[in-house]
Amino acid sequence: MIFTPSSQPVEHGPALCDALKDFLIANKSTFQDKLIPDLSYIDDMAHNVNGIEIQSVNHLAENRYQIEYSYDWELFLGCSDINQSGTGHDHIRFTLDPEGQINMEYLFPDELDTSDEL
């Protein structure tokens, strides 16, 4: 994902956070699925409702930033009369390189495997 700010060259810092947030909100469909964790700790039937909502983008240092976001989940088990929902909150760090490439530091495994438990 390439961020193209209105001013060139990019000057890193808190002043860039609002523009980054707007860009990430407009393009969240390209990365939001990777930010929603495995919800099986709630129940195997728990699922995300509507993607993520980006709360803020914060400057950490130099070209490093952090996204604060939330995601809604729900669980409906009609036979058991269970209807629950909730909101999770999380964050992810990313770097912005000189060409505008955003590189997120994903921490979730792509797929759970029981061999990791050995």
PDB file of N, CA and C in Angstrom:
ATOM      1  N   MET A   1       0.848  -1.151   0.000  1.00  0.00           N
ATOM      2  CA  MET A   1       0.000   0.000   0.000  1.00  0.00           C
ATOM      3  C   MET A   1       0.908   1.232   0.000  1.00  0.00           C
ATOM      4  N   ILE A   2       0.672   2.124  -0.946  1.00  0.00           N
ATOM      5  CA  ILE A   2       1.516   3.310  -1.113  1.00  0.00           C
ATOM      6  C   ILE A   2       0.751   4.558  -0.670  1.00  0.00           C
ATOM      7  N   PHE A   3       1.305   5.247   0.308  1.00  0.00           N
ATOM      8  CA  PHE A   3       0.748   6.500   0.807  1.00  0.00           C
ATOM      9  C   PHE A   3       1.361   7.643   0.018  1.00  0.00           C
ATOM     10  N   THR A   4       0.531   8.494  -0.542  1.00  0.00           N
ATOM     11  CA  THR A   4       1.023   9.647  -1.302  1.00  0.00           C
ATOM     12  C   THR A   4       0.489  10.924  -0.657  1.00  0.00           C
ATOM     13  N   PRO A   5       1.297  11.537   0.204  1.00  0.00           N
ATOM     14  CA  PRO A   5       0.844  12.751   0.888  1.00  0.00           C
ATOM     15  C   PRO A   5       0.801  13.938  -0.070  1.00  0.00           C
ATOM     16  N   SER A   6       0.089  14.973   0.331  1.00  0.00           N
ATOM     17  CA  SER A   6      -0.027  16.157  -0.516  1.00  0.00           C
ATOM     18  C   SER A   6       1.278  16.937  -0.593  1.00  0.00           C
ATOM     19  N   SER A   7       2.119  16.833   0.415  1.00  0.00           N
ATOM     20  CA  SER A   7       3.403  17.541   0.393  1.00  0.00           C
ATOM     21  C   SER A   7       4.544  16.545   0.226  1.00  0.00           C
ATOM     22  N   GLN A   8       5.461  16.847  -0.632  1.00  0.00           N
ATOM     23  CA  GLN A   8       6.644  16.014  -0.856  1.00  0.00           C
ATOM     24  C   GLN A   8       7.865  16.830  -0.477  1.00  0.00           C
ATOM     25  N   PRO A   9       8.908  16.323   0.085  1.00  0.00           N
ATOM     26  CA  PRO A   9       9.013  14.969   0.620  1.00  0.00           C
ATOM     27  C   PRO A   9       8.234  14.834   1.931  1.00  0.00           C
ATOM     28  N   VAL A  10       8.063  13.590   2.343  1.00  0.00           N
ATOM     29  CA  VAL A  10       7.324  13.302   3.571  1.00  0.00           C
ATOM     30  C   VAL A  10       8.140  13.757   4.776  1.00  0.00           C
ATOM     31  N   GLU A  11       7.509  14.533   5.643  1.00  0.00           N
ATOM     32  CA  GLU A  11       8.142  14.925   6.901  1.00  0.00           C
ATOM     33  C   GLU A  11       7.459  14.138   8.013  1.00  0.00           C
ATOM     34  N   HIS A  12       8.197  13.186   8.575  1.00  0.00           N
ATOM     35  CA  HIS A  12       7.635  12.322   9.614  1.00  0.00           C
ATOM     36  C   HIS A  12       7.382  13.108  10.891  1.00  0.00           C
ATOM     37  N   GLY A  13       6.329  12.722  11.573  1.00  0.00           N
ATOM     38  CA  GLY A  13       6.010  13.360  12.838  1.00  0.00           C
ATOM     39  C   GLY A  13       4.519  13.369  13.081  1.00  0.00           C
ATOM     40  N   PRO A  14       4.107  13.934  14.211  1.00  0.00           N
ATOM     41  CA  PRO A  14       2.689  13.963  14.574  1.00  0.00           C
ATOM     42  C   PRO A  14       1.807  14.676  13.546  1.00  0.00           C
ATOM     43  N   ALA A  15       2.352  15.650  12.828  1.00  0.00           N
ATOM     44  CA  ALA A  15       1.554  16.396  11.847  1.00  0.00           C
ATOM     45  C   ALA A  15       1.072  15.515  10.698  1.00  0.00           C
ATOM     46  N   LEU A  16       1.740  14.405  10.457  1.00  0.00           N
ATOM     47  CA  LEU A  16       1.381  13.506   9.363  1.00  0.00           C
ATOM     48  C   LEU A  16       0.293  12.498   9.766  1.00  0.00           C
ATOM     49  N   CYS A  17       0.017  12.371  11.045  1.00  0.00           N
ATOM     50  CA  CYS A  17      -0.880  11.319  11.549  1.00  0.00           C
ATOM     51  C   CYS A  17      -2.304  11.422  11.014  1.00  0.00           C
ATOM     52  N   ASP A  18      -2.860  12.622  10.919  1.00  0.00           N
ATOM     53  CA  ASP A  18      -4.231  12.755  10.421  1.00  0.00           C
ATOM     54  C   ASP A  18      -4.341  12.329   8.965  1.00  0.00           C
ATOM     55  N   ALA A  19      -3.359  12.709   8.141  1.00  0.00           N
ATOM     56  CA  ALA A  19      -3.369  12.306   6.731  1.00  0.00           C
ATOM     57  C   ALA A  19      -3.208  10.796   6.601  1.00  0.00           C
ATOM     58  N   LEU A  20      -2.350  10.203   7.425  1.00  0.00           N
ATOM     59  CA  LEU A  20      -2.189   8.745   7.418  1.00  0.00           C
ATOM     60  C   LEU A  20      -3.478   8.054   7.846  1.00  0.00           C
ATOM     61  N   LYS A  21      -4.133   8.574   8.869  1.00  0.00           N
ATOM     62  CA  LYS A  21      -5.389   7.979   9.335  1.00  0.00           C
ATOM     63  C   LYS A  21      -6.439   8.009   8.224  1.00  0.00           C
ATOM     64  N   ASP A  22      -6.586   9.155   7.558  1.00  0.00           N
ATOM     65  CA  ASP A  22      -7.560   9.268   6.465  1.00  0.00           C
ATOM     66  C   ASP A  22      -7.252   8.277   5.351  1.00  0.00           C
ATOM     67  N   PHE A  23      -5.971   8.143   5.009  1.00  0.00           N
ATOM     68  CA  PHE A  23      -5.554   7.208   3.963  1.00  0.00           C
ATOM     69  C   PHE A  23      -5.855   5.768   4.371  1.00  0.00           C
ATOM     70  N   LEU A  24      -5.528   5.416   5.600  1.00  0.00           N
ATOM     71  CA  LEU A  24      -5.748   4.049   6.078  1.00  0.00           C
ATOM     72  C   LEU A  24      -7.234   3.715   6.164  1.00  0.00           C
ATOM     73  N   ILE A  25      -8.052   4.664   6.573  1.00  0.00           N
ATOM     74  CA  ILE A  25      -9.503   4.436   6.611  1.00  0.00           C
ATOM     75  C   ILE A  25     -10.025   4.182   5.202  1.00  0.00           C
ATOM     76  N   ALA A  26      -9.561   4.971   4.241  1.00  0.00           N
ATOM     77  CA  ALA A  26     -10.018   4.817   2.857  1.00  0.00           C
ATOM     78  C   ALA A  26      -9.574   3.495   2.244  1.00  0.00           C
ATOM     79  N   ASN A  27      -8.472   2.919   2.750  1.00  0.00           N
ATOM     80  CA  ASN A  27      -7.905   1.698   2.174  1.00  0.00           C
ATOM     81  C   ASN A  27      -7.948   0.499   3.113  1.00  0.00           C
ATOM     82  N   LYS A  28      -8.728   0.571   4.175  1.00  0.00           N
ATOM     83  CA  LYS A  28      -8.699  -0.495   5.181  1.00  0.00           C
ATOM     84  C   LYS A  28      -9.148  -1.846   4.641  1.00  0.00           C
ATOM     85  N   SER A  29      -9.913  -1.856   3.572  1.00  0.00           N
ATOM     86  CA  SER A  29     -10.371  -3.140   3.019  1.00  0.00           C
ATOM     87  C   SER A  29      -9.206  -3.990   2.524  1.00  0.00           C
ATOM     88  N   THR A  30      -8.057  -3.373   2.274  1.00  0.00           N
ATOM     89  CA  THR A  30      -6.901  -4.124   1.776  1.00  0.00           C
ATOM     90  C   THR A  30      -6.108  -4.814   2.884  1.00  0.00           C
ATOM     91  N   PHE A  31      -6.340  -4.435   4.152  1.00  0.00           N
ATOM     92  CA  PHE A  31      -5.531  -5.016   5.228  1.00  0.00           C
ATOM     93  C   PHE A  31      -6.311  -5.394   6.482  1.00  0.00           C
ATOM     94  N   GLN A  32      -7.552  -4.978   6.612  1.00  0.00           N
ATOM     95  CA  GLN A  32      -8.253  -5.161   7.889  1.00  0.00           C
ATOM     96  C   GLN A  32      -8.445  -6.615   8.294  1.00  0.00           C
ATOM     97  N   ASP A  33      -8.582  -7.519   7.333  1.00  0.00           N
ATOM     98  CA  ASP A  33      -8.772  -8.929   7.694  1.00  0.00           C
ATOM     99  C   ASP A  33      -7.573  -9.492   8.454  1.00  0.00           C
ATOM    100  N   LYS A  34      -6.387  -8.960   8.183  1.00  0.00           N
ATOM    101  CA  LYS A  34      -5.188  -9.440   8.875  1.00  0.00           C
ATOM    102  C   LYS A  34      -5.092  -8.907  10.302  1.00  0.00           C
ATOM    103  N   LEU A  35      -5.868  -7.873  10.617  1.00  0.00           N
ATOM    104  CA  LEU A  35      -5.790  -7.267  11.946  1.00  0.00           C
ATOM    105  C   LEU A  35      -6.784  -7.850  12.941  1.00  0.00           C
ATOM    106  N   ILE A  36      -7.745  -8.606  12.455  1.00  0.00           N
ATOM    107  CA  ILE A  36      -8.749  -9.191  13.340  1.00  0.00           C
ATOM    108  C   ILE A  36      -8.224 -10.540  13.824  1.00  0.00           C
ATOM    109  N   PRO A  37      -8.012 -10.686  15.125  1.00  0.00           N
ATOM    110  CA  PRO A  37      -7.416 -11.928  15.633  1.00  0.00           C
ATOM    111  C   PRO A  37      -8.383 -13.105  15.551  1.00  0.00           C
ATOM    112  N   ASP A  38      -7.847 -14.266  15.785  1.00  0.00           N
ATOM    113  CA  ASP A  38      -8.642 -15.487  15.878  1.00  0.00           C
ATOM    114  C   ASP A  38      -9.562 -15.347  17.093  1.00  0.00           C
ATOM    115  N   LEU A  39     -10.847 -15.401  16.861  1.00  0.00           N
ATOM    116  CA  LEU A  39     -11.819 -15.204  17.937  1.00  0.00           C
ATOM    117  C   LEU A  39     -12.252 -16.503  18.603  1.00  0.00           C
ATOM    118  N   SER A  40     -11.569 -17.596  18.306  1.00  0.00           N
ATOM    119  CA  SER A  40     -11.963 -18.884  18.886  1.00  0.00           C
ATOM    120  C   SER A  40     -11.750 -18.933  20.401  1.00  0.00           C
ATOM    121  N   TYR A  41     -10.990 -17.996  20.966  1.00  0.00           N
ATOM    122  CA  TYR A  41     -10.857 -17.956  22.424  1.00  0.00           C
ATOM    123  C   TYR A  41     -12.196 -17.581  23.069  1.00  0.00           C
ATOM    124  N   ILE A  42     -13.070 -16.926  22.299  1.00  0.00           N
ATOM    125  CA  ILE A  42     -14.423 -16.625  22.770  1.00  0.00           C
ATOM    126  C   ILE A  42     -15.294 -17.858  22.550  1.00  0.00           C
ATOM    127  N   ASP A  43     -15.314 -18.327  21.310  1.00  0.00           N
ATOM    128  CA  ASP A  43     -16.048 -19.525  20.903  1.00  0.00           C
ATOM    129  C   ASP A  43     -15.702 -19.771  19.441  1.00  0.00           C
ATOM    130  N   ASP A  44     -15.758 -21.028  19.024  1.00  0.00           N
ATOM    131  CA  ASP A  44     -15.459 -21.351  17.627  1.00  0.00           C
ATOM    132  C   ASP A  44     -16.417 -20.680  16.652  1.00  0.00           C
ATOM    133  N   MET A  45     -17.597 -20.297  17.112  1.00  0.00           N
ATOM    134  CA  MET A  45     -18.591 -19.664  16.243  1.00  0.00           C
ATOM    135  C   MET A  45     -18.554 -18.132  16.299  1.00  0.00           C
ATOM    136  N   ALA A  46     -17.697 -17.561  17.133  1.00  0.00           N
ATOM    137  CA  ALA A  46     -17.588 -16.103  17.206  1.00  0.00           C
ATOM    138  C   ALA A  46     -16.976 -15.585  15.912  1.00  0.00           C
ATOM    139  N   HIS A  47     -17.490 -14.463  15.436  1.00  0.00           N
ATOM    140  CA  HIS A  47     -16.976 -13.901  14.186  1.00  0.00           C
ATOM    141  C   HIS A  47     -17.028 -12.375  14.226  1.00  0.00           C
ATOM    142  N   ASN A  48     -16.222 -11.775  13.356  1.00  0.00           N
ATOM    143  CA  ASN A  48     -16.189 -10.328  13.225  1.00  0.00           C
ATOM    144  C   ASN A  48     -17.441  -9.866  12.505  1.00  0.00           C
ATOM    145  N   VAL A  49     -17.958  -8.726  12.921  1.00  0.00           N
ATOM    146  CA  VAL A  49     -19.203  -8.219  12.369  1.00  0.00           C
ATOM    147  C   VAL A  49     -18.976  -7.291  11.179  1.00  0.00           C
ATOM    148  N   ASN A  50     -18.116  -6.301  11.334  1.00  0.00           N
ATOM    149  CA  ASN A  50     -18.010  -5.262  10.312  1.00  0.00           C
ATOM    150  C   ASN A  50     -16.599  -4.724  10.106  1.00  0.00           C
ATOM    151  N   GLY A  51     -15.606  -5.562  10.171  1.00  0.00           N
ATOM    152  CA  GLY A  51     -14.236  -5.101   9.942  1.00  0.00           C
ATOM    153  C   GLY A  51     -13.681  -4.365  11.148  1.00  0.00           C
ATOM    154  N   ILE A  52     -12.819  -3.395  10.876  1.00  0.00           N
ATOM    155  CA  ILE A  52     -12.189  -2.628  11.948  1.00  0.00           C
ATOM    156  C   ILE A  52     -12.621  -1.167  11.866  1.00  0.00           C
ATOM    157  N   GLU A  53     -12.440  -0.479  12.983  1.00  0.00           N
ATOM    158  CA  GLU A  53     -12.609   0.968  13.012  1.00  0.00           C
ATOM    159  C   GLU A  53     -11.300   1.551  13.519  1.00  0.00           C
ATOM    160  N   ILE A  54     -10.679   2.377  12.715  1.00  0.00           N
ATOM    161  CA  ILE A  54      -9.404   2.984  13.098  1.00  0.00           C
ATOM    162  C   ILE A  54      -9.696   4.158  14.024  1.00  0.00           C
ATOM    163  N   GLN A  55      -9.177   4.074  15.240  1.00  0.00           N
ATOM    164  CA  GLN A  55      -9.391   5.117  16.244  1.00  0.00           C
ATOM    165  C   GLN A  55      -8.399   6.264  16.071  1.00  0.00           C
ATOM    166  N   SER A  56      -7.114   5.901  15.904  1.00  0.00           N
ATOM    167  CA  SER A  56      -6.082   6.934  15.794  1.00  0.00           C
ATOM    168  C   SER A  56      -4.825   6.357  15.159  1.00  0.00           C
ATOM    169  N   VAL A  57      -3.992   7.258  14.671  1.00  0.00           N
ATOM    170  CA  VAL A  57      -2.648   6.926  14.198  1.00  0.00           C
ATOM    171  C   VAL A  57      -1.702   7.812  14.995  1.00  0.00           C
ATOM    172  N   ASN A  58      -0.702   7.199  15.615  1.00  0.00           N
ATOM    173  CA  ASN A  58       0.246   7.930  16.453  1.00  0.00           C
ATOM    174  C   ASN A  58       1.658   7.772  15.919  1.00  0.00           C
ATOM    175  N   HIS A  59       2.419   8.850  15.989  1.00  0.00           N
ATOM    176  CA  HIS A  59       3.828   8.816  15.598  1.00  0.00           C
ATOM    177  C   HIS A  59       4.637   8.291  16.777  1.00  0.00           C
ATOM    178  N   LEU A  60       5.483   7.294  16.528  1.00  0.00           N
ATOM    179  CA  LEU A  60       6.316   6.720  17.586  1.00  0.00           C
ATOM    180  C   LEU A  60       7.713   7.323  17.572  1.00  0.00           C
ATOM    181  N   ALA A  61       8.393   7.226  16.445  1.00  0.00           N
ATOM    182  CA  ALA A  61       9.746   7.761  16.292  1.00  0.00           C
ATOM    183  C   ALA A  61      10.141   7.626  14.832  1.00  0.00           C
ATOM    184  N   GLU A  62      10.896   8.591  14.342  1.00  0.00           N
ATOM    185  CA  GLU A  62      11.389   8.572  12.961  1.00  0.00           C
ATOM    186  C   GLU A  62      10.264   8.215  11.999  1.00  0.00           C
ATOM    187  N   ASN A  63      10.358   7.078  11.304  1.00  0.00           N
ATOM    188  CA  ASN A  63       9.336   6.689  10.318  1.00  0.00           C
ATOM    189  C   ASN A  63       8.393   5.611  10.863  1.00  0.00           C
ATOM    190  N   ARG A  64       8.302   5.489  12.187  1.00  0.00           N
ATOM    191  CA  ARG A  64       7.474   4.446  12.814  1.00  0.00           C
ATOM    192  C   ARG A  64       6.198   5.054  13.397  1.00  0.00           C
ATOM    193  N   TYR A  65       5.079   4.363  13.133  1.00  0.00           N
ATOM    194  CA  TYR A  65       3.759   4.815  13.564  1.00  0.00           C
ATOM    195  C   TYR A  65       2.995   3.649  14.177  1.00  0.00           C
ATOM    196  N   GLN A  66       1.887   3.970  14.822  1.00  0.00           N
ATOM    197  CA  GLN A  66       1.044   2.936  15.414  1.00  0.00           C
ATOM    198  C   GLN A  66      -0.420   3.267  15.147  1.00  0.00           C
ATOM    199  N   ILE A  67      -1.179   2.250  14.744  1.00  0.00           N
ATOM    200  CA  ILE A  67      -2.618   2.374  14.535  1.00  0.00           C
ATOM    201  C   ILE A  67      -3.323   1.799  15.762  1.00  0.00           C
ATOM    202  N   GLU A  68      -4.218   2.561  16.357  1.00  0.00           N
ATOM    203  CA  GLU A  68      -5.108   2.074  17.415  1.00  0.00           C
ATOM    204  C   GLU A  68      -6.437   1.779  16.737  1.00  0.00           C
ATOM    205  N   TYR A  69      -6.960   0.563  16.923  1.00  0.00           N
ATOM    206  CA  TYR A  69      -8.199   0.204  16.238  1.00  0.00           C
ATOM    207  C   TYR A  69      -9.074  -0.680  17.114  1.00  0.00           C
ATOM    208  N   SER A  70     -10.329  -0.812  16.701  1.00  0.00           N
ATOM    209  CA  SER A  70     -11.263  -1.696  17.390  1.00  0.00           C
ATOM    210  C   SER A  70     -11.990  -2.543  16.359  1.00  0.00           C
ATOM    211  N   TYR A  71     -12.563  -3.636  16.827  1.00  0.00           N
ATOM    212  CA  TYR A  71     -13.331  -4.533  15.960  1.00  0.00           C
ATOM    213  C   TYR A  71     -14.481  -5.119  16.780  1.00  0.00           C
ATOM    214  N   ASP A  72     -15.625  -5.241  16.147  1.00  0.00           N
ATOM    215  CA  ASP A  72     -16.797  -5.818  16.802  1.00  0.00           C
ATOM    216  C   ASP A  72     -16.866  -7.307  16.508  1.00  0.00           C
ATOM    217  N   TRP A  73     -17.386  -8.060  17.452  1.00  0.00           N
ATOM    218  CA  TRP A  73     -17.593  -9.496  17.247  1.00  0.00           C
ATOM    219  C   TRP A  73     -18.972  -9.869  17.787  1.00  0.00           C
ATOM    220  N   GLU A  74     -19.473 -10.973  17.279  1.00  0.00           N
ATOM    221  CA  GLU A  74     -20.732 -11.486  17.805  1.00  0.00           C
ATOM    222  C   GLU A  74     -20.718 -13.002  17.810  1.00  0.00           C
ATOM    223  N   LEU A  75     -21.563 -13.540  18.658  1.00  0.00           N
ATOM    224  CA  LEU A  75     -21.715 -14.983  18.802  1.00  0.00           C
ATOM    225  C   LEU A  75     -23.200 -15.267  18.966  1.00  0.00           C
ATOM    226  N   PHE A  76     -23.746 -16.067  18.065  1.00  0.00           N
ATOM    227  CA  PHE A  76     -25.151 -16.454  18.155  1.00  0.00           C
ATOM    228  C   PHE A  76     -25.241 -17.966  18.055  1.00  0.00           C
ATOM    229  N   LEU A  77     -25.758 -18.578  19.099  1.00  0.00           N
ATOM    230  CA  LEU A  77     -26.006 -20.014  19.133  1.00  0.00           C
ATOM    231  C   LEU A  77     -27.474 -20.196  19.512  1.00  0.00           C
ATOM    232  N   GLY A  78     -28.334 -20.262  18.505  1.00  0.00           N
ATOM    233  CA  GLY A  78     -29.776 -20.305  18.724  1.00  0.00           C
ATOM    234  C   GLY A  78     -30.229 -21.459  19.584  1.00  0.00           C
ATOM    235  N   CYS A  79     -29.685 -22.638  19.352  1.00  0.00           N
ATOM    236  CA  CYS A  79     -30.110 -23.819  20.119  1.00  0.00           C
ATOM    237  C   CYS A  79     -29.751 -23.701  21.595  1.00  0.00           C
ATOM    238  N   SER A  80     -28.689 -22.968  21.891  1.00  0.00           N
ATOM    239  CA  SER A  80     -28.248 -22.798  23.281  1.00  0.00           C
ATOM    240  C   SER A  80     -28.752 -21.490  23.885  1.00  0.00           C
ATOM    241  N   ASP A  81     -29.517 -20.731  23.120  1.00  0.00           N
ATOM    242  CA  ASP A  81     -30.038 -19.440  23.564  1.00  0.00           C
ATOM    243  C   ASP A  81     -28.902 -18.497  23.985  1.00  0.00           C
ATOM    244  N   ILE A  82     -27.857 -18.462  23.172  1.00  0.00           N
ATOM    245  CA  ILE A  82     -26.717 -17.581  23.430  1.00  0.00           C
ATOM    246  C   ILE A  82     -26.656 -16.550  22.312  1.00  0.00           C
ATOM    247  N   ASN A  83     -26.664 -15.287  22.698  1.00  0.00           N
ATOM    248  CA  ASN A  83     -26.529 -14.188  21.750  1.00  0.00           C
ATOM    249  C   ASN A  83     -25.661 -13.132  22.425  1.00  0.00           C
ATOM    250  N   GLN A  84     -24.375 -13.127  22.101  1.00  0.00           N
ATOM    251  CA  GLN A  84     -23.428 -12.222  22.744  1.00  0.00           C
ATOM    252  C   GLN A  84     -22.722 -11.390  21.687  1.00  0.00           C
ATOM    253  N   SER A  85     -22.236 -10.241  22.105  1.00  0.00           N
ATOM    254  CA  SER A  85     -21.439  -9.398  21.217  1.00  0.00           C
ATOM    255  C   SER A  85     -20.467  -8.598  22.067  1.00  0.00           C
ATOM    256  N   GLY A  86     -19.474  -8.058  21.424  1.00  0.00           N
ATOM    257  CA  GLY A  86     -18.486  -7.270  22.141  1.00  0.00           C
ATOM    258  C   GLY A  86     -17.593  -6.518  21.182  1.00  0.00           C
ATOM    259  N   THR A  87     -16.693  -5.770  21.747  1.00  0.00           N
ATOM    260  CA  THR A  87     -15.742  -4.987  20.970  1.00  0.00           C
ATOM    261  C   THR A  87     -14.348  -5.259  21.503  1.00  0.00           C
ATOM    262  N   GLY A  88     -13.434  -5.571  20.601  1.00  0.00           N
ATOM    263  CA  GLY A  88     -12.036  -5.749  20.966  1.00  0.00           C
ATOM    264  C   GLY A  88     -11.237  -4.524  20.558  1.00  0.00           C
ATOM    265  N   HIS A  89     -10.180  -4.249  21.278  1.00  0.00           N
ATOM    266  CA  HIS A  89      -9.309  -3.112  20.981  1.00  0.00           C
ATOM    267  C   HIS A  89      -7.890  -3.633  20.824  1.00  0.00           C
ATOM    268  N   ASP A  90      -7.177  -3.078  19.856  1.00  0.00           N
ATOM    269  CA  ASP A  90      -5.811  -3.534  19.619  1.00  0.00           C
ATOM    270  C   ASP A  90      -5.027  -2.435  18.915  1.00  0.00           C
ATOM    271  N   HIS A  91      -3.785  -2.715  18.626  1.00  0.00           N
ATOM    272  CA  HIS A  91      -2.945  -1.771  17.891  1.00  0.00           C
ATOM    273  C   HIS A  91      -1.952  -2.557  17.047  1.00  0.00           C
ATOM    274  N   ILE A  92      -1.410  -1.879  16.055  1.00  0.00           N
ATOM    275  CA  ILE A  92      -0.374  -2.464  15.216  1.00  0.00           C
ATOM    276  C   ILE A  92       0.586  -1.348  14.824  1.00  0.00           C
ATOM    277  N   ARG A  93       1.850  -1.693  14.760  1.00  0.00           N
ATOM    278  CA  ARG A  93       2.873  -0.728  14.356  1.00  0.00           C
ATOM    279  C   ARG A  93       3.183  -0.892  12.880  1.00  0.00           C
ATOM    280  N   PHE A  94       3.617   0.204  12.273  1.00  0.00           N
ATOM    281  CA  PHE A  94       4.032   0.146  10.879  1.00  0.00           C
ATOM    282  C   PHE A  94       5.106   1.184  10.619  1.00  0.00           C
ATOM    283  N   THR A  95       5.822   0.962   9.540  1.00  0.00           N
ATOM    284  CA  THR A  95       6.816   1.928   9.091  1.00  0.00           C
ATOM    285  C   THR A  95       6.362   2.511   7.765  1.00  0.00           C
ATOM    286  N   LEU A  96       6.813   3.724   7.495  1.00  0.00           N
ATOM    287  CA  LEU A  96       6.522   4.412   6.243  1.00  0.00           C
ATOM    288  C   LEU A  96       7.859   4.710   5.584  1.00  0.00           C
ATOM    289  N   ASP A  97       8.143   4.012   4.461  1.00  0.00           N
ATOM    290  CA  ASP A  97       9.442   4.203   3.821  1.00  0.00           C
ATOM    291  C   ASP A  97       9.427   5.450   2.927  1.00  0.00           C
ATOM    292  N   PRO A  98      10.596   5.897   2.442  1.00  0.00           N
ATOM    293  CA  PRO A  98      10.678   7.135   1.659  1.00  0.00           C
ATOM    294  C   PRO A  98       9.809   7.149   0.397  1.00  0.00           C
ATOM    295  N   GLU A  99       9.505   5.977  -0.152  1.00  0.00           N
ATOM    296  CA  GLU A  99       8.658   5.904  -1.347  1.00  0.00           C
ATOM    297  C   GLU A  99       7.173   5.903  -0.992  1.00  0.00           C
ATOM    298  N   GLY A 100       6.836   5.938   0.295  1.00  0.00           N
ATOM    299  CA  GLY A 100       5.443   5.950   0.726  1.00  0.00           C
ATOM    300  C   GLY A 100       4.870   4.583   1.026  1.00  0.00           C
ATOM    301  N   GLN A 101       5.685   3.534   0.920  1.00  0.00           N
ATOM    302  CA  GLN A 101       5.210   2.174   1.194  1.00  0.00           C
ATOM    303  C   GLN A 101       4.962   2.008   2.692  1.00  0.00           C
ATOM    304  N   ILE A 102       3.771   1.528   3.039  1.00  0.00           N
ATOM    305  CA  ILE A 102       3.421   1.243   4.428  1.00  0.00           C
ATOM    306  C   ILE A 102       3.679  -0.233   4.687  1.00  0.00           C
ATOM    307  N   ASN A 103       4.518  -0.517   5.675  1.00  0.00           N
ATOM    308  CA  ASN A 103       4.880  -1.893   6.029  1.00  0.00           C
ATOM    309  C   ASN A 103       4.397  -2.186   7.445  1.00  0.00           C
ATOM    310  N   MET A 104       3.330  -2.964   7.543  1.00  0.00           N
ATOM    311  CA  MET A 104       2.759  -3.291   8.847  1.00  0.00           C
ATOM    312  C   MET A 104       3.486  -4.469   9.475  1.00  0.00           C
ATOM    313  N   GLU A 105       3.592  -4.436  10.794  1.00  0.00           N
ATOM    314  CA  GLU A 105       4.262  -5.481  11.560  1.00  0.00           C
ATOM    315  C   GLU A 105       3.210  -6.441  12.107  1.00  0.00           C
ATOM    316  N   TYR A 106       2.697  -7.302  11.225  1.00  0.00           N
ATOM    317  CA  TYR A 106       1.660  -8.258  11.631  1.00  0.00           C
ATOM    318  C   TYR A 106       2.224  -9.250  12.638  1.00  0.00           C
ATOM    319  N   LEU A 107       1.459  -9.516  13.701  1.00  0.00           N
ATOM    320  CA  LEU A 107       1.903 -10.439  14.747  1.00  0.00           C
ATOM    321  C   LEU A 107       1.055 -11.693  14.821  1.00  0.00           C
ATOM    322  N   PHE A 108      -0.059 -11.741  14.107  1.00  0.00           N
ATOM    323  CA  PHE A 108      -0.940 -12.897  14.170  1.00  0.00           C
ATOM    324  C   PHE A 108      -0.462 -13.962  13.203  1.00  0.00           C
ATOM    325  N   PRO A 109      -0.464 -15.219  13.625  1.00  0.00           N
ATOM    326  CA  PRO A 109      -0.107 -16.292  12.689  1.00  0.00           C
ATOM    327  C   PRO A 109      -1.187 -16.425  11.623  1.00  0.00           C
ATOM    328  N   ASP A 110      -0.776 -16.794  10.402  1.00  0.00           N
ATOM    329  CA  ASP A 110      -1.729 -16.958   9.308  1.00  0.00           C
ATOM    330  C   ASP A 110      -2.694 -18.100   9.575  1.00  0.00           C
ATOM    331  N   GLU A 111      -2.197 -19.136  10.225  1.00  0.00           N
ATOM    332  CA  GLU A 111      -3.026 -20.314  10.445  1.00  0.00           C
ATOM    333  C   GLU A 111      -2.583 -20.995  11.731  1.00  0.00           C
ATOM    334  N   LEU A 112      -3.524 -21.396  12.538  1.00  0.00           N
ATOM    335  CA  LEU A 112      -3.180 -22.122  13.759  1.00  0.00           C
ATOM    336  C   LEU A 112      -2.864 -23.567  13.423  1.00  0.00           C
ATOM    337  N   ASP A 113      -1.882 -24.112  14.114  1.00  0.00           N
ATOM    338  CA  ASP A 113      -1.463 -25.482  13.866  1.00  0.00           C
ATOM    339  C   ASP A 113      -1.134 -26.115  15.210  1.00  0.00           C
ATOM    340  N   THR A 114      -1.655 -27.306  15.463  1.00  0.00           N
ATOM    341  CA  THR A 114      -1.407 -27.963  16.746  1.00  0.00           C
ATOM    342  C   THR A 114       0.052 -28.366  16.919  1.00  0.00           C
ATOM    343  N   SER A 115       0.823 -28.434  15.842  1.00  0.00           N
ATOM    344  CA  SER A 115       2.240 -28.787  15.974  1.00  0.00           C
ATOM    345  C   SER A 115       3.001 -27.713  16.741  1.00  0.00           C
ATOM    346  N   ASP A 116       2.457 -26.483  16.806  1.00  0.00           N
ATOM    347  CA  ASP A 116       3.090 -25.421  17.571  1.00  0.00           C
ATOM    348  C   ASP A 116       3.004 -25.669  19.074  1.00  0.00           C
ATOM    349  N   GLU A 117       2.127 -26.564  19.488  1.00  0.00           N
ATOM    350  CA  GLU A 117       1.932 -26.836  20.908  1.00  0.00           C
ATOM    351  C   GLU A 117       2.944 -27.832  21.462  1.00  0.00           C
ATOM    352  N   LEU A 118       3.701 -28.470  20.612  1.00  0.00           N
ATOM    353  CA  LEU A 118       4.654 -29.485  21.073  1.00  0.00           C
ATOM    354  C   LEU A 118       5.851 -28.876  21.737  1.00  0.00           C
TER     355      LEU A 118
END
